[in-house]
Amino acid sequence: MVLGRRTKLEQADVEAVIDYLCRIGDRQPIYYLWRPFLRDPGDEMVLEVAVGASADMILTHNVRDYAGVEERFGVRIVRPSEFLTELESEAP
């Protein structure tokens, strides 16, 4: 898992984060309405679920493969480090 490779979290902690996200998340059907749109076909389902869920952003290190998404779908593509910087700037 990317979370395990990109952080210093132990495997059990990574699994706890994934379990939590699965508990609070809502399943989103995938309709394949605008495919292909992205450079990498493996990213298409991420985009489709984000749009279907009315997500504000997709967090990814792979920003260039999501070119044109914000303009077409209104979903911001943000690197995790940028997201953390935004969170820190909003903290009281």
Protein backbone atom coordinates (compact mmCIF):
# COMPACT_ATOMS: atom_id res chain seq x y z
CA MET A 1 0.00 0.00 0.00
CA VAL A 2 1.15 3.49 -0.81
CA LEU A 3 0.36 4.71 2.69
CA GLY A 4 2.79 2.20 4.13
CA ARG A 5 5.53 3.12 1.65
CA ARG A 6 5.10 6.89 2.03
CA THR A 7 4.92 7.07 5.83
CA LYS A 8 6.67 5.62 8.83
CA LEU A 9 3.47 3.92 9.99
CA GLU A 10 3.60 0.30 11.03
CA GLN A 11 1.58 -2.18 8.96
CA ALA A 12 -1.03 -2.51 11.74
CA ASP A 13 -1.51 1.27 11.79
CA VAL A 14 -1.88 1.41 8.00
CA GLU A 15 -4.51 -1.31 8.19
CA ALA A 16 -6.31 0.61 10.96
CA VAL A 17 -6.45 3.73 8.78
CA ILE A 18 -7.79 1.74 5.82
CA ASP A 19 -10.36 -0.02 8.05
CA TYR A 20 -11.52 3.35 9.39
CA LEU A 21 -11.89 4.83 5.91
CA CYS A 22 -13.89 1.78 4.82
CA ARG A 23 -16.22 2.12 7.83
CA ILE A 24 -16.98 5.80 7.28
CA GLY A 25 -17.00 5.75 3.47
CA ASP A 26 -19.98 5.44 1.17
CA ARG A 27 -19.82 3.01 -1.72
CA GLN A 28 -19.97 4.77 -5.05
CA PRO A 29 -21.12 3.04 -8.21
CA ILE A 30 -18.79 3.37 -11.19
CA TYR A 31 -20.46 4.04 -14.54
CA TYR A 32 -17.49 4.50 -16.90
CA LEU A 33 -19.24 7.51 -18.46
CA TRP A 34 -16.28 9.55 -19.64
CA ARG A 35 -13.54 6.99 -20.04
CA PRO A 36 -10.92 7.28 -21.31
CA PHE A 37 -9.99 10.70 -19.95
CA LEU A 38 -6.72 10.24 -18.06
CA ARG A 39 -3.24 9.24 -19.27
CA ASP A 40 -3.17 6.21 -16.99
CA PRO A 41 -6.24 3.94 -17.31
CA GLY A 42 -5.55 2.68 -13.78
CA ASP A 43 -6.45 6.14 -12.42
CA GLU A 44 -9.84 6.32 -14.15
CA MET A 45 -11.74 4.63 -11.31
CA VAL A 46 -10.28 7.09 -8.79
CA LEU A 47 -11.55 10.00 -10.87
CA GLU A 48 -14.95 8.42 -11.43
CA VAL A 49 -15.48 7.72 -7.73
CA ALA A 50 -14.29 11.21 -6.77
CA VAL A 51 -16.73 12.85 -9.18
CA GLY A 52 -19.56 10.50 -8.17
CA ALA A 53 -18.96 11.30 -4.50
CA SER A 54 -18.73 15.07 -5.17
CA ALA A 55 -15.22 15.09 -3.73
CA ASP A 56 -13.44 18.42 -3.47
CA MET A 57 -10.04 16.95 -4.22
CA ILE A 58 -7.98 13.90 -5.04
CA LEU A 59 -4.76 13.53 -3.05
CA THR A 60 -1.98 12.01 -5.14
CA HIS A 61 1.73 12.21 -5.79
CA ASN A 62 0.89 11.52 -9.43
CA VAL A 63 -0.42 14.99 -10.30
CA ARG A 64 0.56 15.01 -13.98
CA ASP A 65 -1.63 12.01 -14.82
CA TYR A 66 -4.66 14.02 -13.68
CA ALA A 67 -4.13 16.93 -16.08
CA GLY A 68 -7.39 18.68 -17.00
CA VAL A 69 -9.45 17.17 -14.18
CA GLU A 70 -10.01 20.40 -12.25
CA GLU A 71 -11.11 22.26 -15.37
CA ARG A 72 -13.49 19.54 -16.58
CA PHE A 73 -14.82 18.08 -13.33
CA GLY A 74 -14.11 20.71 -10.66
CA VAL A 75 -12.04 18.31 -8.55
CA ARG A 76 -8.72 19.71 -7.32
CA ILE A 77 -5.67 17.51 -7.72
CA VAL A 78 -3.41 18.05 -4.71
CA ARG A 79 -0.15 16.52 -3.54
CA PRO A 80 -0.35 15.16 0.03
CA SER A 81 2.36 17.59 1.17
CA GLU A 82 0.34 20.54 -0.20
CA PHE A 83 -2.76 19.24 1.57
CA LEU A 84 -0.91 19.02 4.89
CA THR A 85 0.40 22.57 4.39
CA GLU A 86 -3.19 23.76 3.80
CA LEU A 87 -4.33 21.99 6.97
CA GLU A 88 -1.54 23.56 8.99
CA SER A 89 -2.38 27.04 7.71
CA GLU A 90 -6.04 26.57 8.71
CA ALA A 91 -5.26 25.28 12.20
CA PRO A 92 -6.10 27.69 15.02
